[in-house]
Amino acid sequence: MANILMVEDNTFIGRVIQMVLEDIGHKVEWCKSGTEAFDVLDSKQPDLVMTDLGLPGKSGKEVLEKMRSVQRLIDVPAIIMTGSFPDDKDYPERKFYQGILEKPFDLEDLKNIIKKLVLI
């Protein structure tokens, strides 16, 4: 299955997502800050990146911008997980992500969007 980088600072949400994705066979690398995600993106090749927007250190928007600036990560699909609105200044440009999960989201929606974006 897929190697998924999840960037989520909320411990409860992160644990639930990790459990659900691992139960369906994916490997999840969980970062709790944007800064930590920068380090992982420098050294690993995820099949999918899921990021919250409001993070300590670097924002989710900055994580996506970094991804898209690295040649080997340009085509890696990304999902944003957020409770903010599209007109928020911290919202990334649409070209940076392929899916969105608005918090709170249904776990079936999570599974479906992963299935749609990861063809492994």
Protein backbone atom coordinates (compact mmCIF):
# COMPACT_ATOMS: atom_id res chain seq x y z
CA MET A 1 0.00 0.00 0.00
CA ALA A 2 0.99 3.66 0.25
CA ASN A 3 3.56 5.51 2.33
CA ILE A 4 1.61 8.46 3.69
CA LEU A 5 3.07 11.53 5.36
CA MET A 6 0.50 12.99 7.76
CA VAL A 7 1.13 16.40 9.30
CA GLU A 8 -1.28 16.98 12.19
CA ASP A 9 -0.60 18.65 15.53
CA ASN A 10 -3.77 17.44 17.26
CA THR A 11 -2.86 14.18 19.02
CA PHE A 12 -6.39 12.76 19.07
CA ILE A 13 -7.06 13.45 15.38
CA GLY A 14 -3.60 12.17 14.42
CA ARG A 15 -4.05 8.91 16.34
CA VAL A 16 -7.45 8.25 14.79
CA ILE A 17 -6.23 8.94 11.24
CA GLN A 18 -3.10 6.84 11.76
CA MET A 19 -5.13 3.93 13.14
CA VAL A 20 -7.66 4.04 10.29
CA LEU A 21 -5.02 4.24 7.56
CA GLU A 22 -2.81 1.54 9.06
CA ASP A 23 -5.86 -0.73 9.48
CA ILE A 24 -6.42 -0.57 5.71
CA GLY A 25 -2.78 -1.34 4.99
CA HIS A 26 -1.03 2.00 4.60
CA LYS A 27 2.20 3.03 6.31
CA VAL A 28 1.86 6.38 8.07
CA GLU A 29 4.68 8.73 9.03
CA TRP A 30 3.19 11.25 11.46
CA CYS A 31 4.72 14.69 11.93
CA LYS A 32 3.29 17.02 14.56
CA SER A 33 4.67 20.25 13.10
CA GLY A 34 5.39 21.78 9.74
CA THR A 35 9.06 22.05 10.67
CA GLU A 36 9.22 18.29 11.31
CA ALA A 37 7.49 17.69 7.96
CA PHE A 38 10.17 19.77 6.20
CA ASP A 39 12.82 17.39 7.60
CA VAL A 40 10.90 14.31 6.45
CA LEU A 41 10.32 15.75 2.97
CA ASP A 42 14.05 16.37 2.65
CA SER A 43 14.84 12.70 3.20
CA LYS A 44 11.82 10.55 2.26
CA GLN A 45 9.55 9.96 -0.71
CA PRO A 46 5.90 9.72 0.38
CA ASP A 47 3.18 8.48 -1.96
CA LEU A 48 0.72 10.97 -0.45
CA VAL A 49 0.91 13.94 1.91
CA MET A 50 -1.94 14.93 4.23
CA THR A 51 -1.52 18.18 6.13
CA ASP A 52 -3.45 20.32 8.52
CA LEU A 53 -3.12 24.03 7.72
CA GLY A 54 -2.72 25.46 11.23
CA LEU A 55 0.51 23.92 12.53
CA PRO A 56 3.29 24.92 14.89
CA GLY A 57 6.50 25.99 13.17
CA LYS A 58 5.83 26.00 9.44
CA SER A 59 2.19 26.12 8.31
CA GLY A 60 0.48 23.49 6.17
CA LYS A 61 0.54 26.00 3.33
CA GLU A 62 4.33 26.24 3.68
CA VAL A 63 4.61 22.44 3.74
CA LEU A 64 2.76 22.24 0.41
CA GLU A 65 4.81 25.06 -1.11
CA LYS A 66 8.01 23.24 -0.11
CA MET A 67 6.72 20.00 -1.62
CA ARG A 68 5.99 21.66 -4.92
CA SER A 69 9.45 23.24 -5.01
CA VAL A 70 11.21 19.84 -4.86
CA GLN A 71 11.35 18.12 -8.26
CA ARG A 72 10.87 14.56 -6.92
CA LEU A 73 7.78 15.65 -4.94
CA ILE A 74 6.01 17.72 -7.60
CA ASP A 75 3.60 14.93 -8.58
CA VAL A 76 2.95 13.57 -5.07
CA PRO A 77 -0.76 14.07 -4.32
CA ALA A 78 -1.67 16.17 -1.30
CA ILE A 79 -4.75 16.50 0.88
CA ILE A 80 -5.41 19.40 3.20
CA MET A 81 -7.32 18.86 6.43
CA THR A 82 -8.79 22.06 7.77
CA GLY A 83 -11.50 23.83 9.63
CA SER A 84 -10.70 27.17 7.97
CA PHE A 85 -12.34 28.75 4.96
CA PRO A 86 -10.94 29.06 1.41
CA ASP A 87 -10.72 32.85 1.67
CA ASP A 88 -8.42 32.55 4.70
CA LYS A 89 -4.96 34.04 3.96
CA ASP A 90 -3.32 30.81 5.18
CA TYR A 91 -5.20 28.73 2.61
CA PRO A 92 -2.92 27.31 -0.12
CA GLU A 93 -3.48 27.88 -3.81
CA ARG A 94 -5.67 25.16 -5.34
CA LYS A 95 -2.80 23.95 -7.55
CA PHE A 96 -0.93 22.74 -4.44
CA TYR A 97 -3.43 20.06 -3.35
CA GLN A 98 -5.73 17.48 -4.91
CA GLY A 99 -8.19 16.91 -2.09
CA ILE A 100 -9.67 18.55 0.97
CA LEU A 101 -11.12 17.16 4.17
CA GLU A 102 -13.04 19.76 6.14
CA LYS A 103 -12.87 19.17 9.89
CA PRO A 104 -14.70 17.46 11.36
CA PHE A 105 -14.71 14.85 8.61
CA ASP A 106 -16.19 11.38 8.32
CA LEU A 107 -13.72 8.48 8.35
CA GLU A 108 -15.37 6.99 5.26
CA ASP A 109 -14.66 10.26 3.43
CA LEU A 110 -11.03 9.90 4.53
CA LYS A 111 -10.82 6.35 3.18
CA ASN A 112 -12.51 7.32 -0.10
CA ILE A 113 -10.23 10.27 -0.83
CA ILE A 114 -7.15 8.16 -0.06
CA LYS A 115 -8.41 5.42 -2.37
CA LYS A 116 -9.03 7.97 -5.12
CA LEU A 117 -5.58 9.59 -4.89
CA VAL A 118 -3.37 6.58 -4.20
CA LEU A 119 -3.38 3.98 -6.94
CA ILE A 120 -0.87 1.61 -5.35
